[in-house]
Amino acid sequence: MEYSDLRQVAVEARRSVESQPVGTHADEIETSVMLYISPEVVRMEQAVPELAADRPGGLTRDPSGNGVYSASGAWGDPTLATAEKGRIVIEAMVREIVARINSLG
């Protein structure tokens, strides 16, 4: 079965626009993507950097819990997000996914 792991799609495009030191959730890249595809749902006035050290386990809002603690629920720096960065990432994702589909047949 063939599938696209979205964490592995458009990696070079993400690296070309990303400036945050760490991040994976509601971060610079995810927020940029949302600013491009659905800006009306993004509340940039609530964006804050959450740059805690990476630790084993998932993202947690419990300061004594296992994993990466984030008071806001983000991990990364959403304040760096722009719709233009989102456009670059989304267009690269679409190109790569279409190329993968075309290679199947």
PDB file of N, CA and C in Angstrom:
ATOM      1  N   MET A   1       0.852  -1.181   0.000  1.00  0.00           N
ATOM      2  CA  MET A   1       0.000   0.000   0.000  1.00  0.00           C
ATOM      3  C   MET A   1       0.897   1.244   0.000  1.00  0.00           C
ATOM      4  N   GLU A   2       0.608   2.167  -0.848  1.00  0.00           N
ATOM      5  CA  GLU A   2       1.359   3.421  -0.951  1.00  0.00           C
ATOM      6  C   GLU A   2       0.606   4.514  -0.204  1.00  0.00           C
ATOM      7  N   TYR A   3       1.329   5.340   0.522  1.00  0.00           N
ATOM      8  CA  TYR A   3       0.727   6.489   1.194  1.00  0.00           C
ATOM      9  C   TYR A   3       1.758   7.592   1.302  1.00  0.00           C
ATOM     10  N   SER A   4       1.308   8.790   1.588  1.00  0.00           N
ATOM     11  CA  SER A   4       2.202   9.930   1.765  1.00  0.00           C
ATOM     12  C   SER A   4       2.228  10.316   3.235  1.00  0.00           C
ATOM     13  N   ASP A   5       3.390  10.216   3.834  1.00  0.00           N
ATOM     14  CA  ASP A   5       3.593  10.658   5.207  1.00  0.00           C
ATOM     15  C   ASP A   5       3.781  12.170   5.149  1.00  0.00           C
ATOM     16  N   LEU A   6       2.806  12.933   5.596  1.00  0.00           N
ATOM     17  CA  LEU A   6       2.854  14.383   5.460  1.00  0.00           C
ATOM     18  C   LEU A   6       4.034  15.018   6.192  1.00  0.00           C
ATOM     19  N   ARG A   7       4.619  14.294   7.135  1.00  0.00           N
ATOM     20  CA  ARG A   7       5.827  14.812   7.795  1.00  0.00           C
ATOM     21  C   ARG A   7       7.034  14.747   6.869  1.00  0.00           C
ATOM     22  N   GLN A   8       6.931  13.928   5.816  1.00  0.00           N
ATOM     23  CA  GLN A   8       8.044  13.749   4.894  1.00  0.00           C
ATOM     24  C   GLN A   8       7.808  14.400   3.534  1.00  0.00           C
ATOM     25  N   VAL A   9       6.683  15.074   3.372  1.00  0.00           N
ATOM     26  CA  VAL A   9       6.358  15.752   2.115  1.00  0.00           C
ATOM     27  C   VAL A   9       6.766  17.217   2.233  1.00  0.00           C
ATOM     28  N   ALA A  10       7.370  17.733   1.203  1.00  0.00           N
ATOM     29  CA  ALA A  10       7.763  19.153   1.130  1.00  0.00           C
ATOM     30  C   ALA A  10       8.784  19.540   2.194  1.00  0.00           C
ATOM     31  N   VAL A  11       9.635  18.609   2.561  1.00  0.00           N
ATOM     32  CA  VAL A  11      10.636  18.870   3.598  1.00  0.00           C
ATOM     33  C   VAL A  11      11.557  20.016   3.179  1.00  0.00           C
ATOM     34  N   GLU A  12      12.026  20.006   1.951  1.00  0.00           N
ATOM     35  CA  GLU A  12      12.935  21.067   1.504  1.00  0.00           C
ATOM     36  C   GLU A  12      12.235  22.427   1.470  1.00  0.00           C
ATOM     37  N   ALA A  13      10.977  22.458   1.063  1.00  0.00           N
ATOM     38  CA  ALA A  13      10.225  23.720   1.045  1.00  0.00           C
ATOM     39  C   ALA A  13      10.073  24.254   2.463  1.00  0.00           C
ATOM     40  N   ARG A  14       9.751  23.371   3.394  1.00  0.00           N
ATOM     41  CA  ARG A  14       9.626  23.803   4.797  1.00  0.00           C
ATOM     42  C   ARG A  14      10.945  24.358   5.305  1.00  0.00           C
ATOM     43  N   ARG A  15      12.013  23.650   5.039  1.00  0.00           N
ATOM     44  CA  ARG A  15      13.328  24.123   5.501  1.00  0.00           C
ATOM     45  C   ARG A  15      13.694  25.463   4.884  1.00  0.00           C
ATOM     46  N   SER A  16      13.263  25.703   3.658  1.00  0.00           N
ATOM     47  CA  SER A  16      13.633  26.948   2.977  1.00  0.00           C
ATOM     48  C   SER A  16      12.942  28.180   3.572  1.00  0.00           C
ATOM     49  N   VAL A  17      11.803  27.993   4.230  1.00  0.00           N
ATOM     50  CA  VAL A  17      11.076  29.135   4.791  1.00  0.00           C
ATOM     51  C   VAL A  17      11.096  29.192   6.314  1.00  0.00           C
ATOM     52  N   GLU A  18      11.472  28.109   6.949  1.00  0.00           N
ATOM     53  CA  GLU A  18      11.406  28.018   8.414  1.00  0.00           C
ATOM     54  C   GLU A  18      12.581  28.741   9.073  1.00  0.00           C
ATOM     55  N   SER A  19      12.278  29.522  10.111  1.00  0.00           N
ATOM     56  CA  SER A  19      13.343  30.170  10.868  1.00  0.00           C
ATOM     57  C   SER A  19      13.284  29.845  12.361  1.00  0.00           C
ATOM     58  N   GLN A  20      12.246  29.170  12.822  1.00  0.00           N
ATOM     59  CA  GLN A  20      12.152  28.805  14.236  1.00  0.00           C
ATOM     60  C   GLN A  20      13.194  27.730  14.565  1.00  0.00           C
ATOM     61  N   PRO A  21      13.705  27.722  15.802  1.00  0.00           N
ATOM     62  CA  PRO A  21      14.718  26.726  16.153  1.00  0.00           C
ATOM     63  C   PRO A  21      14.142  25.332  16.397  1.00  0.00           C
ATOM     64  N   VAL A  22      12.917  25.250  16.876  1.00  0.00           N
ATOM     65  CA  VAL A  22      12.227  23.978  17.119  1.00  0.00           C
ATOM     66  C   VAL A  22      10.756  24.181  16.801  1.00  0.00           C
ATOM     67  N   GLY A  23      10.066  23.074  16.608  1.00  0.00           N
ATOM     68  CA  GLY A  23       8.629  23.172  16.425  1.00  0.00           C
ATOM     69  C   GLY A  23       8.051  22.008  15.650  1.00  0.00           C
ATOM     70  N   THR A  24       6.796  21.714  15.947  1.00  0.00           N
ATOM     71  CA  THR A  24       6.066  20.685  15.206  1.00  0.00           C
ATOM     72  C   THR A  24       4.559  20.880  15.257  1.00  0.00           C
ATOM     73  N   HIS A  25       4.058  21.657  16.207  1.00  0.00           N
ATOM     74  CA  HIS A  25       2.601  21.749  16.340  1.00  0.00           C
ATOM     75  C   HIS A  25       2.174  23.195  16.564  1.00  0.00           C
ATOM     76  N   ALA A  26       1.254  23.664  15.724  1.00  0.00           N
ATOM     77  CA  ALA A  26       0.775  25.054  15.790  1.00  0.00           C
ATOM     78  C   ALA A  26       1.962  26.006  15.777  1.00  0.00           C
ATOM     79  N   ASP A  27       2.967  25.628  15.021  1.00  0.00           N
ATOM     80  CA  ASP A  27       4.234  26.349  14.975  1.00  0.00           C
ATOM     81  C   ASP A  27       4.287  27.280  13.765  1.00  0.00           C
ATOM     82  N   GLU A  28       5.468  27.723  13.418  1.00  0.00           N
ATOM     83  CA  GLU A  28       5.640  28.614  12.268  1.00  0.00           C
ATOM     84  C   GLU A  28       5.082  28.004  10.981  1.00  0.00           C
ATOM     85  N   ILE A  29       5.361  26.735  10.740  1.00  0.00           N
ATOM     86  CA  ILE A  29       4.946  26.110   9.482  1.00  0.00           C
ATOM     87  C   ILE A  29       3.455  25.799   9.486  1.00  0.00           C
ATOM     88  N   GLU A  30       2.952  25.133  10.500  1.00  0.00           N
ATOM     89  CA  GLU A  30       1.516  24.811  10.525  1.00  0.00           C
ATOM     90  C   GLU A  30       0.662  26.078  10.509  1.00  0.00           C
ATOM     91  N   THR A  31       1.083  27.101  11.228  1.00  0.00           N
ATOM     92  CA  THR A  31       0.321  28.348  11.245  1.00  0.00           C
ATOM     93  C   THR A  31       0.395  29.039   9.890  1.00  0.00           C
ATOM     94  N   SER A  32       1.557  28.991   9.241  1.00  0.00           N
ATOM     95  CA  SER A  32       1.684  29.556   7.889  1.00  0.00           C
ATOM     96  C   SER A  32       0.747  28.854   6.912  1.00  0.00           C
ATOM     97  N   VAL A  33       0.681  27.539   6.997  1.00  0.00           N
ATOM     98  CA  VAL A  33      -0.213  26.773   6.123  1.00  0.00           C
ATOM     99  C   VAL A  33      -1.658  27.209   6.353  1.00  0.00           C
ATOM    100  N   MET A  34      -2.046  27.351   7.609  1.00  0.00           N
ATOM    101  CA  MET A  34      -3.414  27.773   7.899  1.00  0.00           C
ATOM    102  C   MET A  34      -3.679  29.209   7.445  1.00  0.00           C
ATOM    103  N   LEU A  35      -2.680  30.080   7.566  1.00  0.00           N
ATOM    104  CA  LEU A  35      -2.845  31.456   7.071  1.00  0.00           C
ATOM    105  C   LEU A  35      -3.073  31.463   5.563  1.00  0.00           C
ATOM    106  N   TYR A  36      -2.512  30.497   4.865  1.00  0.00           N
ATOM    107  CA  TYR A  36      -2.682  30.403   3.411  1.00  0.00           C
ATOM    108  C   TYR A  36      -4.028  29.780   3.038  1.00  0.00           C
ATOM    109  N   ILE A  37      -4.398  28.670   3.692  1.00  0.00           N
ATOM    110  CA  ILE A  37      -5.601  27.953   3.242  1.00  0.00           C
ATOM    111  C   ILE A  37      -6.887  28.390   3.935  1.00  0.00           C
ATOM    112  N   SER A  38      -6.783  28.946   5.141  1.00  0.00           N
ATOM    113  CA  SER A  38      -7.994  29.318   5.872  1.00  0.00           C
ATOM    114  C   SER A  38      -7.683  30.412   6.896  1.00  0.00           C
ATOM    115  N   PRO A  39      -7.286  31.590   6.426  1.00  0.00           N
ATOM    116  CA  PRO A  39      -6.819  32.641   7.340  1.00  0.00           C
ATOM    117  C   PRO A  39      -7.861  33.081   8.366  1.00  0.00           C
ATOM    118  N   GLU A  40      -9.127  32.908   8.067  1.00  0.00           N
ATOM    119  CA  GLU A  40     -10.172  33.365   8.981  1.00  0.00           C
ATOM    120  C   GLU A  40     -10.204  32.576  10.294  1.00  0.00           C
ATOM    121  N   VAL A  41      -9.568  31.398  10.345  1.00  0.00           N
ATOM    122  CA  VAL A  41      -9.573  30.609  11.582  1.00  0.00           C
ATOM    123  C   VAL A  41      -8.328  30.857  12.440  1.00  0.00           C
ATOM    124  N   VAL A  42      -7.377  31.628  11.931  1.00  0.00           N
ATOM    125  CA  VAL A  42      -6.121  31.880  12.649  1.00  0.00           C
ATOM    126  C   VAL A  42      -6.264  33.133  13.496  1.00  0.00           C
ATOM    127  N   ARG A  43      -5.865  33.024  14.746  1.00  0.00           N
ATOM    128  CA  ARG A  43      -5.902  34.168  15.672  1.00  0.00           C
ATOM    129  C   ARG A  43      -4.467  34.540  16.045  1.00  0.00           C
ATOM    130  N   MET A  44      -3.828  35.293  15.152  1.00  0.00           N
ATOM    131  CA  MET A  44      -2.429  35.647  15.353  1.00  0.00           C
ATOM    132  C   MET A  44      -2.211  36.448  16.637  1.00  0.00           C
ATOM    133  N   GLU A  45      -3.223  37.162  17.108  1.00  0.00           N
ATOM    134  CA  GLU A  45      -3.067  37.919  18.352  1.00  0.00           C
ATOM    135  C   GLU A  45      -2.870  36.998  19.554  1.00  0.00           C
ATOM    136  N   GLN A  46      -3.199  35.713  19.404  1.00  0.00           N
ATOM    137  CA  GLN A  46      -2.993  34.749  20.485  1.00  0.00           C
ATOM    138  C   GLN A  46      -1.708  33.938  20.315  1.00  0.00           C
ATOM    139  N   ALA A  47      -1.008  34.152  19.215  1.00  0.00           N
ATOM    140  CA  ALA A  47       0.214  33.390  18.945  1.00  0.00           C
ATOM    141  C   ALA A  47       1.333  33.801  19.888  1.00  0.00           C
ATOM    142  N   VAL A  48       1.971  32.809  20.475  1.00  0.00           N
ATOM    143  CA  VAL A  48       3.128  33.045  21.342  1.00  0.00           C
ATOM    144  C   VAL A  48       4.173  31.972  21.052  1.00  0.00           C
ATOM    145  N   PRO A  49       5.442  32.329  21.134  1.00  0.00           N
ATOM    146  CA  PRO A  49       6.477  31.305  20.959  1.00  0.00           C
ATOM    147  C   PRO A  49       6.474  30.317  22.122  1.00  0.00           C
ATOM    148  N   GLU A  50       6.559  29.058  21.809  1.00  0.00           N
ATOM    149  CA  GLU A  50       6.700  27.989  22.818  1.00  0.00           C
ATOM    150  C   GLU A  50       7.893  27.164  22.367  1.00  0.00           C
ATOM    151  N   LEU A  51       9.057  27.430  22.939  1.00  0.00           N
ATOM    152  CA  LEU A  51      10.307  26.847  22.472  1.00  0.00           C
ATOM    153  C   LEU A  51      10.962  25.959  23.524  1.00  0.00           C
ATOM    154  N   ALA A  52      10.151  25.195  24.241  1.00  0.00           N
ATOM    155  CA  ALA A  52      10.682  24.289  25.263  1.00  0.00           C
ATOM    156  C   ALA A  52      11.597  23.257  24.608  1.00  0.00           C
ATOM    157  N   ALA A  53      12.522  22.742  25.386  1.00  0.00           N
ATOM    158  CA  ALA A  53      13.424  21.705  24.893  1.00  0.00           C
ATOM    159  C   ALA A  53      12.637  20.452  24.523  1.00  0.00           C
ATOM    160  N   ASP A  54      13.080  19.800  23.471  1.00  0.00           N
ATOM    161  CA  ASP A  54      12.466  18.547  23.036  1.00  0.00           C
ATOM    162  C   ASP A  54      12.763  17.465  24.070  1.00  0.00           C
ATOM    163  N   ARG A  55      11.722  16.736  24.466  1.00  0.00           N
ATOM    164  CA  ARG A  55      11.864  15.632  25.400  1.00  0.00           C
ATOM    165  C   ARG A  55      11.070  14.458  24.876  1.00  0.00           C
ATOM    166  N   PRO A  56      11.387  13.250  25.312  1.00  0.00           N
ATOM    167  CA  PRO A  56      10.594  12.097  24.885  1.00  0.00           C
ATOM    168  C   PRO A  56       9.144  12.254  25.319  1.00  0.00           C
ATOM    169  N   GLY A  57       8.245  11.784  24.492  1.00  0.00           N
ATOM    170  CA  GLY A  57       6.824  11.861  24.796  1.00  0.00           C
ATOM    171  C   GLY A  57       6.157  12.905  23.946  1.00  0.00           C
ATOM    172  N   GLY A  58       4.882  13.000  24.052  1.00  0.00           N
ATOM    173  CA  GLY A  58       4.102  13.941  23.249  1.00  0.00           C
ATOM    174  C   GLY A  58       4.089  15.336  23.836  1.00  0.00           C
ATOM    175  N   LEU A  59       3.357  16.180  23.184  1.00  0.00           N
ATOM    176  CA  LEU A  59       3.149  17.552  23.642  1.00  0.00           C
ATOM    177  C   LEU A  59       2.159  17.509  24.804  1.00  0.00           C
ATOM    178  N   THR A  60       2.447  18.261  25.865  1.00  0.00           N
ATOM    179  CA  THR A  60       1.548  18.273  27.019  1.00  0.00           C
ATOM    180  C   THR A  60       1.343  19.690  27.534  1.00  0.00           C
ATOM    181  N   ARG A  61       0.160  19.942  28.051  1.00  0.00           N
ATOM    182  CA  ARG A  61      -0.126  21.223  28.702  1.00  0.00           C
ATOM    183  C   ARG A  61      -0.035  21.082  30.217  1.00  0.00           C
ATOM    184  N   ASP A  62       0.415  19.925  30.673  1.00  0.00           N
ATOM    185  CA  ASP A  62       0.617  19.661  32.098  1.00  0.00           C
ATOM    186  C   ASP A  62       2.097  19.890  32.418  1.00  0.00           C
ATOM    187  N   PRO A  63       2.431  20.944  33.194  1.00  0.00           N
ATOM    188  CA  PRO A  63       3.840  21.251  33.452  1.00  0.00           C
ATOM    189  C   PRO A  63       4.593  20.133  34.160  1.00  0.00           C
ATOM    190  N   SER A  64       3.892  19.239  34.844  1.00  0.00           N
ATOM    191  CA  SER A  64       4.571  18.121  35.504  1.00  0.00           C
ATOM    192  C   SER A  64       4.399  16.822  34.722  1.00  0.00           C
ATOM    193  N   GLY A  65       3.816  16.905  33.534  1.00  0.00           N
ATOM    194  CA  GLY A  65       3.584  15.709  32.729  1.00  0.00           C
ATOM    195  C   GLY A  65       4.799  15.293  31.934  1.00  0.00           C
ATOM    196  N   ASN A  66       4.717  14.113  31.338  1.00  0.00           N
ATOM    197  CA  ASN A  66       5.773  13.614  30.474  1.00  0.00           C
ATOM    198  C   ASN A  66       5.671  14.283  29.120  1.00  0.00           C
ATOM    199  N   GLY A  67       6.795  14.531  28.499  1.00  0.00           N
ATOM    200  CA  GLY A  67       6.805  15.102  27.163  1.00  0.00           C
ATOM    201  C   GLY A  67       7.178  16.564  27.152  1.00  0.00           C
ATOM    202  N   VAL A  68       6.889  17.202  26.032  1.00  0.00           N
ATOM    203  CA  VAL A  68       7.229  18.609  25.825  1.00  0.00           C
ATOM    204  C   VAL A  68       6.095  19.462  26.378  1.00  0.00           C
ATOM    205  N   TYR A  69       6.403  20.300  27.375  1.00  0.00           N
ATOM    206  CA  TYR A  69       5.386  21.156  27.980  1.00  0.00           C
ATOM    207  C   TYR A  69       5.152  22.404  27.137  1.00  0.00           C
ATOM    208  N   SER A  70       3.878  22.727  26.948  1.00  0.00           N
ATOM    209  CA  SER A  70       3.486  23.948  26.247  1.00  0.00           C
ATOM    210  C   SER A  70       2.223  24.487  26.883  1.00  0.00           C
ATOM    211  N   ALA A  71       2.300  25.670  27.441  1.00  0.00           N
ATOM    212  CA  ALA A  71       1.125  26.289  28.064  1.00  0.00           C
ATOM    213  C   ALA A  71       0.061  26.605  27.029  1.00  0.00           C
ATOM    214  N   SER A  72       0.472  26.976  25.834  1.00  0.00           N
ATOM    215  CA  SER A  72      -0.474  27.383  24.793  1.00  0.00           C
ATOM    216  C   SER A  72      -0.978  26.219  23.947  1.00  0.00           C
ATOM    217  N   GLY A  73      -0.275  25.103  23.981  1.00  0.00           N
ATOM    218  CA  GLY A  73      -0.618  23.978  23.111  1.00  0.00           C
ATOM    219  C   GLY A  73       0.189  23.970  21.823  1.00  0.00           C
ATOM    220  N   ALA A  74       0.997  25.001  21.615  1.00  0.00           N
ATOM    221  CA  ALA A  74       1.864  25.060  20.433  1.00  0.00           C
ATOM    222  C   ALA A  74       3.266  24.603  20.823  1.00  0.00           C
ATOM    223  N   TRP A  75       4.017  24.145  19.842  1.00  0.00           N
ATOM    224  CA  TRP A  75       5.444  23.917  20.053  1.00  0.00           C
ATOM    225  C   TRP A  75       6.167  24.446  18.832  1.00  0.00           C
ATOM    226  N   GLY A  76       6.829  25.565  19.019  1.00  0.00           N
ATOM    227  CA  GLY A  76       7.490  26.280  17.939  1.00  0.00           C
ATOM    228  C   GLY A  76       7.185  27.762  18.093  1.00  0.00           C
ATOM    229  N   ASP A  77       7.311  28.491  16.991  1.00  0.00           N
ATOM    230  CA  ASP A  77       7.080  29.936  17.054  1.00  0.00           C
ATOM    231  C   ASP A  77       6.082  30.378  15.987  1.00  0.00           C
ATOM    232  N   PRO A  78       4.788  30.331  16.302  1.00  0.00           N
ATOM    233  CA  PRO A  78       3.774  30.728  15.333  1.00  0.00           C
ATOM    234  C   PRO A  78       3.814  32.218  14.992  1.00  0.00           C
ATOM    235  N   THR A  79       4.497  33.021  15.806  1.00  0.00           N
ATOM    236  CA  THR A  79       4.561  34.457  15.507  1.00  0.00           C
ATOM    237  C   THR A  79       5.356  34.735  14.237  1.00  0.00           C
ATOM    238  N   LEU A  80       6.120  33.756  13.756  1.00  0.00           N
ATOM    239  CA  LEU A  80       6.910  33.905  12.529  1.00  0.00           C
ATOM    240  C   LEU A  80       6.125  33.522  11.278  1.00  0.00           C
ATOM    241  N   ALA A  81       4.896  33.075  11.452  1.00  0.00           N
ATOM    242  CA  ALA A  81       4.098  32.566  10.336  1.00  0.00           C
ATOM    243  C   ALA A  81       3.651  33.667   9.381  1.00  0.00           C
ATOM    244  N   THR A  82       3.622  33.310   8.087  1.00  0.00           N
ATOM    245  CA  THR A  82       3.054  34.193   7.060  1.00  0.00           C
ATOM    246  C   THR A  82       2.306  33.341   6.045  1.00  0.00           C
ATOM    247  N   ALA A  83       1.348  33.944   5.388  1.00  0.00           N
ATOM    248  CA  ALA A  83       0.606  33.245   4.335  1.00  0.00           C
ATOM    249  C   ALA A  83       1.533  32.870   3.177  1.00  0.00           C
ATOM    250  N   GLU A  84       2.530  33.697   2.898  1.00  0.00           N
ATOM    251  CA  GLU A  84       3.473  33.396   1.812  1.00  0.00           C
ATOM    252  C   GLU A  84       4.279  32.130   2.104  1.00  0.00           C
ATOM    253  N   LYS A  85       4.715  31.942   3.336  1.00  0.00           N
ATOM    254  CA  LYS A  85       5.402  30.710   3.707  1.00  0.00           C
ATOM    255  C   LYS A  85       4.453  29.520   3.529  1.00  0.00           C
ATOM    256  N   GLY A  86       3.209  29.700   3.925  1.00  0.00           N
ATOM    257  CA  GLY A  86       2.218  28.643   3.761  1.00  0.00           C
ATOM    258  C   GLY A  86       1.995  28.291   2.301  1.00  0.00           C
ATOM    259  N   ARG A  87       1.950  29.299   1.429  1.00  0.00           N
ATOM    260  CA  ARG A  87       1.785  29.051  -0.002  1.00  0.00           C
ATOM    261  C   ARG A  87       2.938  28.212  -0.542  1.00  0.00           C
ATOM    262  N   ILE A  88       4.143  28.560  -0.163  1.00  0.00           N
ATOM    263  CA  ILE A  88       5.321  27.824  -0.633  1.00  0.00           C
ATOM    264  C   ILE A  88       5.259  26.356  -0.204  1.00  0.00           C
ATOM    265  N   VAL A  89       4.901  26.115   1.044  1.00  0.00           N
ATOM    266  CA  VAL A  89       4.830  24.750   1.561  1.00  0.00           C
ATOM    267  C   VAL A  89       3.687  23.977   0.907  1.00  0.00           C
ATOM    268  N   ILE A  90       2.509  24.566   0.833  1.00  0.00           N
ATOM    269  CA  ILE A  90       1.359  23.867   0.246  1.00  0.00           C
ATOM    270  C   ILE A  90       1.605  23.536  -1.219  1.00  0.00           C
ATOM    271  N   GLU A  91       2.127  24.485  -1.987  1.00  0.00           N
ATOM    272  CA  GLU A  91       2.375  24.215  -3.408  1.00  0.00           C
ATOM    273  C   GLU A  91       3.413  23.103  -3.583  1.00  0.00           C
ATOM    274  N   ALA A  92       4.417  23.055  -2.731  1.00  0.00           N
ATOM    275  CA  ALA A  92       5.398  21.972  -2.791  1.00  0.00           C
ATOM    276  C   ALA A  92       4.757  20.636  -2.420  1.00  0.00           C
ATOM    277  N   MET A  93       3.890  20.646  -1.415  1.00  0.00           N
ATOM    278  CA  MET A  93       3.203  19.422  -1.016  1.00  0.00           C
ATOM    279  C   MET A  93       2.344  18.881  -2.159  1.00  0.00           C
ATOM    280  N   VAL A  94       1.590  19.756  -2.784  1.00  0.00           N
ATOM    281  CA  VAL A  94       0.721  19.328  -3.886  1.00  0.00           C
ATOM    282  C   VAL A  94       1.567  18.763  -5.028  1.00  0.00           C
ATOM    283  N   ARG A  95       2.644  19.455  -5.400  1.00  0.00           N
ATOM    284  CA  ARG A  95       3.519  18.948  -6.471  1.00  0.00           C
ATOM    285  C   ARG A  95       4.047  17.556  -6.149  1.00  0.00           C
ATOM    286  N   GLU A  96       4.527  17.366  -4.927  1.00  0.00           N
ATOM    287  CA  GLU A  96       5.095  16.073  -4.545  1.00  0.00           C
ATOM    288  C   GLU A  96       4.041  14.969  -4.502  1.00  0.00           C
ATOM    289  N   ILE A  97       2.874  15.273  -3.965  1.00  0.00           N
ATOM    290  CA  ILE A  97       1.821  14.247  -3.891  1.00  0.00           C
ATOM    291  C   ILE A  97       1.333  13.886  -5.289  1.00  0.00           C
ATOM    292  N   VAL A  98       1.141  14.860  -6.154  1.00  0.00           N
ATOM    293  CA  VAL A  98       0.726  14.582  -7.529  1.00  0.00           C
ATOM    294  C   VAL A  98       1.788  13.744  -8.245  1.00  0.00           C
ATOM    295  N   ALA A  99       3.052  14.067  -8.044  1.00  0.00           N
ATOM    296  CA  ALA A  99       4.131  13.287  -8.663  1.00  0.00           C
ATOM    297  C   ALA A  99       4.102  11.841  -8.161  1.00  0.00           C
ATOM    298  N   ARG A 100       3.849  11.659  -6.892  1.00  0.00           N
ATOM    299  CA  ARG A 100       3.769  10.288  -6.349  1.00  0.00           C
ATOM    300  C   ARG A 100       2.588   9.537  -6.945  1.00  0.00           C
ATOM    301  N   ILE A 101       1.446  10.206  -7.068  1.00  0.00           N
ATOM    302  CA  ILE A 101       0.264   9.552  -7.664  1.00  0.00           C
ATOM    303  C   ILE A 101       0.566   9.186  -9.107  1.00  0.00           C
ATOM    304  N   ASN A 102       1.156  10.102  -9.863  1.00  0.00           N
ATOM    305  CA  ASN A 102       1.471   9.830 -11.261  1.00  0.00           C
ATOM    306  C   ASN A 102       2.474   8.700 -11.416  1.00  0.00           C
ATOM    307  N   SER A 103       3.341   8.511 -10.452  1.00  0.00           N
ATOM    308  CA  SER A 103       4.328   7.433 -10.549  1.00  0.00           C
ATOM    309  C   SER A 103       3.711   6.053 -10.315  1.00  0.00           C
ATOM    310  N   LEU A 104       2.503   5.996  -9.800  1.00  0.00           N
ATOM    311  CA  LEU A 104       1.850   4.728  -9.533  1.00  0.00           C
ATOM    312  C   LEU A 104       1.266   4.072 -10.786  1.00  0.00           C
ATOM    313  N   GLY A 105       1.004   4.868 -11.794  1.00  0.00           N
ATOM    314  CA  GLY A 105       0.290   4.302 -12.923  1.00  0.00           C
ATOM    315  C   GLY A 105       1.059   4.290 -14.163  1.00  0.00           C
TER     316      GLY A 105
END
